[in-house]
Amino acid sequence: MATKQMEPVTIISLRKLSPETPETQPKESKTFTVEDAVETIGFGRFHIALFLIMGSTGVVEAMEIMLIAVVSPVIRCEWQLENWQVALVTTMVFFGYMIFSILFGLLADRYGRWKILLISFLWGAYFSLLTSFSPSYIWFVFLRTMVGCGVSGHAQGLIIKTEFLPTKYRGYMLPLSQVFWLAGSLLIIGLASVVIPTIGWRWLIRIASIPGIILILAFKFIPESARFNVSTGNTQAALATLQCIARMNRSVMPEGKLVEPILEKRGRFADLLDAKYLRTTLQIWVIWLGISFAYYGVILASDELLERDLVCGSRSEAESGVAVTLPDTEESHSPCHCHVFAPSDYRTMIISTVGEIALNPFNILVINFLGRRLSLSITMGCTALFFLLLLNICTSSSGLTGFLFMLRALVAANFNTIYIYTAEVYPTTIRALGMGTSGSLCRIGAMVAPFISQVLMSASFLGALCLFSSVCVVCAISAFTLPIETKGRALQQIK
């Protein structure tokens, strides 16, 4: 009987000492973000397909941009064009790129990267094909300007790649995109050397449109950015995309529920110039403008530098003050001097173009070990030094070609790094707009470069090279003092 009385007392005593037992606590449900999912799934087969398809946008862009370089000599002769008319074609292509780069960036942050990329490819392919039927020079300029507008949207391919790649792989995979630009440049030069002499420039443009059309069909295998979907509240679509990637990679998803805040305010210029990003934005704009100025300056100045024959002990006739009298022929009085590319000219273009990937392995190592800012500062500083060395260079003809080869490799490395940094530094809400505005400033530099490389350099060799070098120094300082380093940093969803 005593035992029966003590048992209840013991139970009551325990309950009083432990009123909050673990069994009575509700178990909290686990949650994860897109960033967590991307890092957990890791790198796999999906990312290889993503790299090949989205990277191929660089092939199409390079072919459309380089097309003018190989077609210009032919249309000059066919329509009896003067130098400024030929230059106007390139300028208008960059003008269209500049205007629509901002517009497409704004629309991509509001309506999706994949949609804008598809629209830009359809636009570019349509107007590129129309260009091959141009009845006159005016129509050619207008249609190539429309092509430039479409090409400006190709940057969304890089953004989609950036938003799907795990953090530790971005520094390795994104620089390799330069291979696609190189492939596109070499492809259009090779095609031009065969097609133009046989069936003409119009067929070259038609054939060059084929890769873009094929790529449009391949876009269906790449989904919309999961980061963009969750920012618009479309969590189910983002979750379905991440689950599909996990299956392709034979990986697993994080446990729990996908939770991200809905971001109503996206693609706003005010956010680019917000106090948190104002300094970064302004410095990025300066760097983009300067890099483009130097890049196209090197390309356009190469012919001028080679014509000057900077070989030890030799000077061009213009520098030595020797008067040159042209023979009184029909060509000397003609406003149009037809100089169609010879096979040797195509070989020279191929050699100089290959230079753009010469420093790619080194650039990848520096980007991943020293970071984006220091890497960009070093390559910009080296570019400035090489421009100054051209003032006192004394070498053989092949040595000069090698010197220009390295200079082009440096300016290409600069482009590589700033592309990666810009895609990484901005949050999802303004990432496409940040890339679009930067691309717009980039084209301003490209539009100014011809006047320095081809006009100022003819009047003042010293002045032109010092200007190029000074701009590179400013960019190097700006890169070194950027307030945010993105190496190893997760992509930001909100600002």
Protein backbone atom coordinates (compact mmCIF):
# COMPACT_ATOMS: atom_id res chain seq x y z
CA MET A 1 0.00 0.00 0.00
CA ALA A 2 2.85 2.31 0.78
CA THR A 3 4.37 1.58 -2.57
CA LYS A 4 1.22 2.51 -4.39
CA GLN A 5 1.16 5.84 -2.57
CA MET A 6 4.78 6.71 -3.43
CA GLU A 7 4.62 6.06 -7.21
CA PRO A 8 2.30 8.94 -8.04
CA VAL A 9 4.38 11.25 -5.86
CA THR A 10 7.49 10.33 -7.82
CA ILE A 11 5.81 11.07 -11.17
CA ILE A 12 4.48 14.40 -9.99
CA SER A 13 7.91 15.31 -8.72
CA LEU A 14 9.52 14.62 -12.08
CA ARG A 15 6.98 16.67 -13.97
CA LYS A 16 7.60 19.63 -11.70
CA LEU A 17 11.36 19.47 -12.23
CA SER A 18 11.11 19.08 -16.04
CA PRO A 19 8.01 20.90 -17.22
CA GLU A 20 9.53 21.52 -20.69
CA THR A 21 10.64 18.17 -22.01
CA PRO A 22 12.11 17.87 -25.56
CA GLU A 23 9.08 15.83 -26.64
CA THR A 24 6.76 18.77 -26.08
CA GLN A 25 8.79 21.18 -28.35
CA PRO A 26 7.53 21.66 -31.95
CA LYS A 27 10.21 20.67 -34.47
CA GLU A 28 11.27 23.64 -36.64
CA SER A 29 11.08 23.01 -40.40
CA LYS A 30 14.36 23.44 -42.30
CA THR A 31 14.70 26.03 -45.05
CA PHE A 32 17.28 26.76 -47.73
CA THR A 33 18.01 29.44 -50.35
CA VAL A 34 18.94 29.18 -54.01
CA GLU A 35 22.56 29.87 -53.04
CA ASP A 36 22.46 26.91 -50.63
CA ALA A 37 20.97 24.68 -53.35
CA VAL A 38 23.53 25.70 -55.99
CA GLU A 39 26.42 25.01 -53.61
CA THR A 40 24.94 21.69 -52.40
CA ILE A 41 24.20 20.36 -55.89
CA GLY A 42 27.70 21.26 -57.03
CA PHE A 43 29.23 21.09 -60.50
CA GLY A 44 28.16 18.42 -62.97
CA ARG A 45 26.70 17.50 -66.34
CA PHE A 46 24.17 20.32 -66.31
CA HIS A 47 26.92 22.91 -65.96
CA ILE A 48 28.90 21.40 -68.83
CA ALA A 49 25.82 21.70 -71.08
CA LEU A 50 25.23 25.22 -69.73
CA PHE A 51 28.83 26.17 -70.47
CA LEU A 52 28.69 24.85 -74.04
CA ILE A 53 25.31 26.36 -74.97
CA MET A 54 25.53 29.72 -73.20
CA GLY A 55 29.23 30.00 -74.02
CA SER A 56 28.39 29.60 -77.70
CA THR A 57 26.62 32.96 -77.55
CA GLY A 58 30.17 34.34 -77.65
CA VAL A 59 30.78 32.54 -80.97
CA VAL A 60 27.76 34.25 -82.54
CA GLU A 61 28.61 37.66 -81.06
CA ALA A 62 32.22 37.47 -82.28
CA MET A 63 31.14 36.48 -85.78
CA GLU A 64 28.69 39.38 -86.04
CA ILE A 65 31.19 41.95 -84.70
CA MET A 66 34.17 40.69 -86.75
CA LEU A 67 32.03 40.38 -89.88
CA ILE A 68 32.40 44.10 -90.60
CA ALA A 69 36.20 43.84 -90.53
CA VAL A 70 36.28 41.22 -93.31
CA VAL A 71 33.42 42.65 -95.39
CA SER A 72 34.49 46.33 -95.30
CA PRO A 73 37.11 46.13 -98.11
CA VAL A 74 34.56 44.51 -100.44
CA ILE A 75 31.67 46.92 -99.84
CA ARG A 76 34.13 49.82 -100.14
CA CYS A 77 34.79 48.82 -103.71
CA GLU A 78 31.26 47.74 -104.61
CA TRP A 79 29.64 51.01 -103.49
CA GLN A 80 32.66 53.30 -104.06
CA LEU A 81 32.87 54.34 -100.39
CA GLU A 82 35.25 56.77 -98.75
CA ASN A 83 37.09 56.02 -95.49
CA TRP A 84 34.61 57.82 -93.22
CA GLN A 85 31.70 55.90 -94.79
CA VAL A 86 33.38 52.57 -94.06
CA ALA A 87 34.13 53.66 -90.49
CA LEU A 88 30.52 54.78 -90.04
CA VAL A 89 29.31 51.19 -90.41
CA THR A 90 31.31 50.06 -87.35
CA THR A 91 30.33 53.16 -85.39
CA MET A 92 26.63 52.59 -86.01
CA VAL A 93 26.89 48.92 -84.99
CA PHE A 94 28.37 50.03 -81.67
CA PHE A 95 25.77 52.79 -81.37
CA GLY A 96 22.95 50.25 -81.65
CA TYR A 97 24.74 48.03 -79.13
CA MET A 98 25.14 50.96 -76.73
CA ILE A 99 21.46 51.94 -76.73
CA PHE A 100 19.95 48.45 -76.51
CA SER A 101 22.49 47.16 -74.00
CA ILE A 102 20.85 49.29 -71.31
CA LEU A 103 17.33 48.50 -72.50
CA PHE A 104 17.88 44.73 -72.61
CA GLY A 105 19.57 44.84 -69.19
CA LEU A 106 16.61 46.65 -67.67
CA LEU A 107 14.10 44.25 -69.25
CA ALA A 108 16.11 41.18 -68.21
CA ASP A 109 15.98 42.20 -64.53
CA ARG A 110 12.23 42.70 -64.78
CA TYR A 111 11.05 39.92 -67.12
CA GLY A 112 13.80 37.30 -67.14
CA ARG A 113 17.24 36.62 -68.58
CA TRP A 114 16.17 33.68 -70.79
CA LYS A 115 13.37 35.61 -72.54
CA ILE A 116 15.59 38.58 -73.38
CA LEU A 117 18.38 36.29 -74.61
CA LEU A 118 15.95 34.51 -76.93
CA ILE A 119 14.51 37.80 -78.23
CA SER A 120 17.99 39.23 -78.87
CA PHE A 121 19.03 36.14 -80.86
CA LEU A 122 15.86 36.16 -82.96
CA TRP A 123 16.33 39.89 -83.57
CA GLY A 124 20.00 39.53 -84.51
CA ALA A 125 19.49 36.55 -86.82
CA TYR A 126 16.58 38.22 -88.63
CA PHE A 127 18.37 41.50 -89.36
CA SER A 128 21.65 39.75 -90.16
CA LEU A 129 19.93 37.76 -92.89
CA LEU A 130 18.27 40.92 -94.20
CA THR A 131 21.70 42.57 -94.39
CA SER A 132 22.74 40.10 -97.09
CA PHE A 133 20.01 41.56 -99.34
CA SER A 134 20.99 45.22 -98.82
CA PRO A 135 20.39 47.10 -102.08
CA SER A 136 22.51 50.11 -101.07
CA TYR A 137 25.02 51.44 -98.57
CA ILE A 138 22.31 53.26 -96.54
CA TRP A 139 20.34 50.05 -96.12
CA PHE A 140 23.49 48.19 -95.15
CA VAL A 141 24.29 50.70 -92.39
CA PHE A 142 20.72 50.63 -91.04
CA LEU A 143 20.46 46.83 -90.99
CA ARG A 144 23.88 46.35 -89.36
CA THR A 145 22.82 48.88 -86.70
CA MET A 146 19.81 46.66 -86.00
CA VAL A 147 22.14 43.66 -85.75
CA GLY A 148 24.19 45.59 -83.17
CA CYS A 149 21.00 46.16 -81.16
CA GLY A 150 20.32 42.42 -81.10
CA VAL A 151 23.89 41.40 -80.24
CA SER A 152 23.77 43.59 -77.11
CA GLY A 153 21.39 41.09 -75.49
CA HIS A 154 23.87 38.22 -75.74
CA ALA A 155 25.40 39.25 -72.40
CA GLN A 156 22.42 37.57 -70.70
CA GLY A 157 24.05 34.23 -71.53
CA LEU A 158 26.98 35.13 -69.27
CA ILE A 159 24.60 36.18 -66.49
CA ILE A 160 22.68 32.89 -66.67
CA LYS A 161 25.97 30.98 -66.44
CA THR A 162 27.07 33.09 -63.47
CA GLU A 163 23.82 32.56 -61.56
CA PHE A 164 23.92 28.76 -61.92
CA LEU A 165 27.63 28.15 -61.21
CA PRO A 166 28.85 27.29 -57.67
CA THR A 167 31.11 29.93 -56.16
CA LYS A 168 34.42 28.06 -56.43
CA TYR A 169 33.88 27.23 -60.11
CA ARG A 170 33.03 30.75 -61.34
CA GLY A 171 36.65 31.85 -61.35
CA TYR A 172 37.61 28.93 -63.58
CA MET A 173 34.65 28.46 -65.92
CA LEU A 174 33.80 32.09 -66.75
CA PRO A 175 37.29 33.00 -68.06
CA LEU A 176 37.13 29.99 -70.38
CA SER A 177 34.28 31.74 -72.20
CA GLN A 178 37.03 33.64 -74.02
CA VAL A 179 37.60 30.43 -76.01
CA PHE A 180 34.18 30.85 -77.64
CA TRP A 181 34.91 34.44 -78.69
CA LEU A 182 38.19 33.26 -80.18
CA ALA A 183 36.43 30.41 -82.00
CA GLY A 184 33.87 32.81 -83.48
CA SER A 185 36.55 35.25 -84.63
CA LEU A 186 38.64 32.53 -86.26
CA LEU A 187 35.56 30.97 -87.85
CA ILE A 188 34.42 34.18 -89.57
CA ILE A 189 37.95 34.94 -90.79
CA GLY A 190 38.34 31.41 -92.16
CA LEU A 191 34.93 31.53 -93.85
CA ALA A 192 35.69 34.94 -95.34
CA SER A 193 38.93 33.69 -96.90
CA VAL A 194 36.98 30.98 -98.73
CA VAL A 195 33.51 32.45 -99.35
CA ILE A 196 34.23 36.06 -100.38
CA PRO A 197 36.57 35.24 -103.30
CA THR A 198 34.20 32.55 -104.60
CA ILE A 199 30.50 33.36 -104.01
CA GLY A 200 30.71 36.85 -102.46
CA TRP A 201 30.14 38.74 -99.22
CA ARG A 202 26.35 38.37 -99.27
CA TRP A 203 26.64 34.59 -98.97
CA LEU A 204 29.19 35.02 -96.19
CA ILE A 205 26.60 36.91 -94.12
CA ARG A 206 23.97 34.23 -94.79
CA ILE A 207 26.32 31.42 -93.77
CA ALA A 208 27.43 33.39 -90.68
CA SER A 209 23.78 33.54 -89.53
CA ILE A 210 23.49 29.74 -89.30
CA PRO A 211 25.23 29.28 -85.87
CA GLY A 212 22.86 31.81 -84.29
CA ILE A 213 19.80 30.03 -85.67
CA ILE A 214 21.04 26.63 -84.43
CA LEU A 215 21.75 28.09 -81.00
CA ILE A 216 18.17 29.38 -80.72
CA LEU A 217 16.98 25.77 -80.98
CA ALA A 218 19.41 24.73 -78.22
CA PHE A 219 18.09 27.34 -75.76
CA LYS A 220 15.15 25.09 -74.83
CA PHE A 221 17.59 22.86 -72.91
CA ILE A 222 18.58 25.74 -70.60
CA PRO A 223 16.03 26.95 -68.01
CA GLU A 224 15.38 30.44 -66.70
CA SER A 225 17.65 31.52 -63.85
CA ALA A 226 16.42 30.10 -60.53
CA ARG A 227 17.68 33.25 -58.79
CA PHE A 228 15.49 35.39 -61.01
CA ASN A 229 12.44 33.15 -60.51
CA VAL A 230 12.57 33.30 -56.71
CA SER A 231 13.07 37.08 -56.85
CA THR A 232 9.73 37.35 -58.67
CA GLY A 233 7.93 34.98 -56.28
CA ASN A 234 7.90 32.03 -58.71
CA THR A 235 9.36 29.68 -56.12
CA GLN A 236 7.86 26.52 -57.62
CA ALA A 237 9.54 27.12 -61.00
CA ALA A 238 12.87 27.78 -59.26
CA LEU A 239 12.49 24.61 -57.16
CA ALA A 240 11.63 22.53 -60.24
CA THR A 241 14.72 23.90 -62.03
CA LEU A 242 17.01 23.10 -59.09
CA GLN A 243 15.58 19.58 -58.76
CA CYS A 244 16.15 18.98 -62.48
CA ILE A 245 19.76 20.15 -62.15
CA ALA A 246 20.27 17.86 -59.15
CA ARG A 247 18.98 14.88 -61.17
CA MET A 248 21.24 15.70 -64.13
CA ASN A 249 24.25 16.05 -61.84
CA ARG A 250 23.24 12.90 -59.89
CA SER A 251 23.39 14.96 -56.76
CA VAL A 252 20.98 15.84 -53.92
CA MET A 253 18.99 18.89 -52.90
CA PRO A 254 19.28 20.51 -49.46
CA GLU A 255 16.71 19.36 -46.92
CA GLY A 256 13.77 21.61 -46.19
CA LYS A 257 11.75 24.24 -47.99
CA LEU A 258 13.02 26.79 -50.53
CA VAL A 259 12.52 30.23 -49.03
CA GLU A 260 13.56 33.54 -50.61
CA PRO A 261 12.12 37.04 -50.26
CA ILE A 262 10.05 38.38 -53.16
CA LEU A 263 11.77 41.43 -54.65
CA GLU A 264 9.22 43.80 -56.12
CA LYS A 265 11.73 46.50 -57.07
CA ARG A 266 14.01 45.13 -59.80
CA GLY A 267 15.99 46.68 -62.63
CA ARG A 268 16.01 50.25 -61.25
CA PHE A 269 18.73 52.76 -62.14
CA ALA A 270 18.36 54.29 -58.67
CA ASP A 271 19.66 51.05 -57.12
CA LEU A 272 22.80 51.16 -59.27
CA LEU A 273 23.54 54.58 -57.84
CA ASP A 274 22.47 53.72 -54.31
CA ALA A 275 24.97 54.63 -51.57
CA LYS A 276 26.04 50.97 -51.21
CA TYR A 277 26.97 50.59 -54.90
CA LEU A 278 27.57 54.18 -56.07
CA ARG A 279 31.36 54.08 -55.85
CA THR A 280 31.53 50.57 -57.31
CA THR A 281 29.27 51.52 -60.22
CA LEU A 282 31.20 54.66 -61.13
CA GLN A 283 34.56 52.90 -60.99
CA ILE A 284 33.26 49.96 -63.03
CA TRP A 285 31.98 52.36 -65.69
CA VAL A 286 35.40 54.03 -65.90
CA ILE A 287 37.13 50.65 -66.20
CA TRP A 288 34.74 49.34 -68.88
CA LEU A 289 35.14 52.49 -70.96
CA GLY A 290 38.93 52.41 -70.63
CA ILE A 291 39.29 48.69 -71.39
CA SER A 292 37.15 48.99 -74.52
CA PHE A 293 39.08 52.09 -75.59
CA ALA A 294 42.39 50.21 -75.25
CA TYR A 295 41.10 46.96 -76.81
CA TYR A 296 39.75 48.47 -80.01
CA GLY A 297 42.61 50.96 -80.02
CA VAL A 298 45.13 48.10 -80.20
CA ILE A 299 43.21 46.37 -82.99
CA LEU A 300 42.87 49.52 -85.09
CA ALA A 301 46.38 50.80 -84.36
CA SER A 302 48.10 47.56 -85.42
CA ASP A 303 48.05 48.46 -89.12
CA GLU A 304 49.37 51.94 -88.38
CA LEU A 305 52.19 50.56 -86.23
CA LEU A 306 53.20 47.97 -88.81
CA GLU A 307 53.18 50.59 -91.59
CA ARG A 308 55.58 52.72 -89.55
CA ASP A 309 58.11 49.88 -89.72
CA LEU A 310 59.44 50.23 -86.18
CA VAL A 311 62.47 48.10 -86.99
CA CYS A 312 65.87 49.07 -85.64
CA GLY A 313 67.46 51.73 -87.81
CA SER A 314 64.47 52.22 -90.11
CA ARG A 315 61.80 54.88 -90.27
CA SER A 316 58.78 55.36 -92.42
CA GLU A 317 58.96 57.77 -95.31
CA ALA A 318 56.46 60.06 -93.64
CA GLU A 319 58.66 60.38 -90.53
CA SER A 320 61.87 60.99 -92.48
CA GLY A 321 60.31 63.82 -94.42
CA VAL A 322 60.71 62.22 -97.85
CA ALA A 323 58.09 63.44 -100.26
CA VAL A 324 56.25 60.67 -102.06
CA THR A 325 54.78 61.40 -105.48
CA LEU A 326 52.04 59.06 -106.60
CA PRO A 327 51.86 58.20 -110.28
CA ASP A 328 49.18 60.02 -112.22
CA THR A 329 46.86 57.06 -112.62
CA GLU A 330 43.13 56.55 -112.51
CA GLU A 331 43.48 55.02 -109.02
CA SER A 332 45.25 58.12 -107.62
CA HIS A 333 42.26 60.30 -108.53
CA SER A 334 39.62 57.82 -107.41
CA PRO A 335 37.86 58.42 -104.08
CA CYS A 336 37.88 54.67 -103.59
CA HIS A 337 41.05 52.58 -103.47
CA CYS A 338 40.14 48.90 -103.67
CA HIS A 339 42.44 46.78 -101.53
CA VAL A 340 40.72 43.43 -101.21
CA PHE A 341 42.25 41.11 -98.59
CA ALA A 342 44.89 38.71 -99.86
CA PRO A 343 45.53 35.29 -98.25
CA SER A 344 48.44 36.82 -96.30
CA ASP A 345 46.08 39.42 -94.79
CA TYR A 346 43.77 36.69 -93.52
CA ARG A 347 46.77 34.87 -92.00
CA THR A 348 47.84 38.05 -90.20
CA MET A 349 44.32 38.50 -88.82
CA ILE A 350 44.29 34.91 -87.57
CA ILE A 351 47.66 35.27 -85.82
CA SER A 352 46.67 38.50 -84.07
CA THR A 353 43.30 37.03 -83.05
CA VAL A 354 44.91 33.96 -81.47
CA GLY A 355 46.80 36.40 -79.24
CA GLU A 356 43.56 37.07 -77.36
CA ILE A 357 43.78 33.70 -75.61
CA ALA A 358 47.55 33.63 -75.03
CA LEU A 359 47.29 34.79 -71.40
CA ASN A 360 44.04 32.98 -70.61
CA PRO A 361 45.60 30.18 -68.47
CA PHE A 362 47.72 32.71 -66.56
CA ASN A 363 44.71 35.00 -66.16
CA ILE A 364 42.63 32.17 -64.66
CA LEU A 365 45.34 31.42 -62.09
CA VAL A 366 45.77 35.07 -61.10
CA ILE A 367 42.01 35.66 -60.85
CA ASN A 368 41.58 32.72 -58.47
CA PHE A 369 44.66 33.27 -56.32
CA LEU A 370 45.03 37.07 -56.18
CA GLY A 371 41.39 38.03 -56.69
CA ARG A 372 39.57 40.00 -59.36
CA ARG A 373 40.67 43.50 -58.32
CA LEU A 374 44.40 42.86 -58.06
CA SER A 375 44.40 40.73 -61.21
CA LEU A 376 42.72 43.48 -63.24
CA SER A 377 45.02 46.12 -61.78
CA ILE A 378 48.11 44.13 -62.78
CA THR A 379 47.01 43.45 -66.37
CA MET A 380 45.89 47.06 -66.88
CA GLY A 381 49.23 48.31 -65.55
CA CYS A 382 51.09 46.00 -67.93
CA THR A 383 48.95 47.22 -70.82
CA ALA A 384 49.90 50.83 -70.00
CA LEU A 385 53.59 49.87 -69.88
CA PHE A 386 53.44 48.11 -73.27
CA PHE A 387 51.87 51.18 -74.88
CA LEU A 388 54.75 53.32 -73.61
CA LEU A 389 57.35 50.78 -74.76
CA LEU A 390 56.06 51.21 -78.32
CA LEU A 391 57.52 54.73 -78.25
CA ASN A 392 61.10 53.42 -78.05
CA ILE A 393 60.82 49.92 -79.44
CA CYS A 394 63.78 48.65 -81.46
CA THR A 395 63.21 45.17 -82.80
CA SER A 396 62.83 43.05 -85.90
CA SER A 397 59.64 42.86 -87.92
CA SER A 398 58.73 39.50 -86.36
CA GLY A 399 59.58 40.93 -82.94
CA LEU A 400 57.14 43.78 -83.47
CA THR A 401 54.44 41.30 -84.47
CA GLY A 402 55.12 39.35 -81.27
CA PHE A 403 55.02 42.58 -79.27
CA LEU A 404 51.59 43.44 -80.69
CA PHE A 405 50.53 39.83 -80.08
CA MET A 406 51.24 40.21 -76.34
CA LEU A 407 49.59 43.63 -76.20
CA ARG A 408 46.41 42.14 -77.63
CA ALA A 409 46.63 39.27 -75.14
CA LEU A 410 46.76 41.77 -72.28
CA VAL A 411 43.76 43.82 -73.41
CA ALA A 412 41.77 40.59 -73.88
CA ALA A 413 42.67 39.51 -70.33
CA ASN A 414 41.37 42.86 -69.06
CA PHE A 415 38.02 42.24 -70.74
CA ASN A 416 37.88 38.74 -69.30
CA THR A 417 38.30 39.90 -65.71
CA ILE A 418 35.93 42.87 -65.79
CA TYR A 419 33.18 40.70 -67.30
CA ILE A 420 33.45 38.29 -64.35
CA TYR A 421 33.67 41.02 -61.72
CA THR A 422 30.62 42.92 -63.02
CA ALA A 423 28.49 39.76 -63.11
CA GLU A 424 29.49 38.88 -59.55
CA VAL A 425 29.42 42.21 -57.74
CA TYR A 426 25.76 43.20 -58.25
CA PRO A 427 22.75 41.51 -56.61
CA THR A 428 20.11 39.64 -58.63
CA THR A 429 17.77 42.64 -58.70
CA ILE A 430 20.20 44.77 -60.75
CA ARG A 431 22.74 42.27 -62.13
CA ALA A 432 21.52 42.42 -65.74
CA LEU A 433 21.08 46.20 -65.63
CA GLY A 434 24.59 46.60 -64.18
CA MET A 435 26.00 44.51 -67.01
CA GLY A 436 23.90 46.40 -69.56
CA THR A 437 25.00 49.88 -68.48
CA SER A 438 28.62 48.71 -68.37
CA GLY A 439 28.30 47.31 -71.88
CA SER A 440 26.90 50.64 -73.02
CA LEU A 441 29.91 52.54 -71.65
CA CYS A 442 32.09 49.91 -73.29
CA ARG A 443 30.74 50.85 -76.73
CA ILE A 444 31.43 54.54 -76.14
CA GLY A 445 35.09 53.62 -75.70
CA ALA A 446 34.90 51.58 -78.90
CA MET A 447 33.40 54.54 -80.79
CA VAL A 448 36.13 56.93 -79.62
CA ALA A 449 39.08 54.56 -80.26
CA PRO A 450 39.11 54.91 -84.10
CA PHE A 451 39.63 58.67 -83.88
CA ILE A 452 42.70 58.16 -81.69
CA SER A 453 44.17 55.14 -83.50
CA GLN A 454 43.57 56.34 -87.03
CA VAL A 455 43.40 60.13 -86.79
CA LEU A 456 45.44 61.33 -83.79
CA MET A 457 48.14 58.67 -84.29
CA SER A 458 48.73 59.92 -87.84
CA ALA A 459 49.22 63.46 -86.51
CA SER A 460 51.02 62.66 -83.25
CA PHE A 461 52.40 59.18 -82.59
CA LEU A 462 53.56 60.24 -79.12
CA GLY A 463 50.25 61.85 -78.20
CA ALA A 464 48.15 58.84 -79.19
CA LEU A 465 50.24 56.25 -77.34
CA CYS A 466 50.52 58.44 -74.23
CA LEU A 467 46.75 58.86 -74.21
CA PHE A 468 46.18 55.09 -74.44
CA SER A 469 48.73 54.52 -71.66
CA SER A 470 47.23 57.21 -69.40
CA VAL A 471 43.74 55.74 -69.71
CA CYS A 472 45.09 52.30 -68.77
CA VAL A 473 46.84 53.75 -65.69
CA VAL A 474 43.58 55.36 -64.55
CA CYS A 475 41.80 52.01 -65.01
CA ALA A 476 44.53 50.17 -63.07
CA ILE A 477 44.17 52.55 -60.12
CA SER A 478 40.40 52.34 -60.28
CA ALA A 479 40.53 48.51 -60.29
CA PHE A 480 42.93 48.43 -57.33
CA THR A 481 40.67 50.70 -55.25
CA LEU A 482 37.35 48.94 -55.98
CA PRO A 483 35.52 48.65 -52.63
CA ILE A 484 34.30 45.05 -53.10
CA GLU A 485 36.31 41.90 -53.85
CA THR A 486 34.15 39.12 -55.32
CA LYS A 487 36.64 36.24 -55.08
CA GLY A 488 34.97 33.46 -53.06
CA ARG A 489 31.94 35.67 -52.40
CA ALA A 490 28.42 34.27 -52.78
CA LEU A 491 26.18 35.99 -55.31
CA GLN A 492 23.95 38.50 -53.57
CA GLN A 493 20.18 38.15 -53.94
CA ILE A 494 19.26 41.57 -52.52
CA LYS A 495 21.27 44.75 -52.12
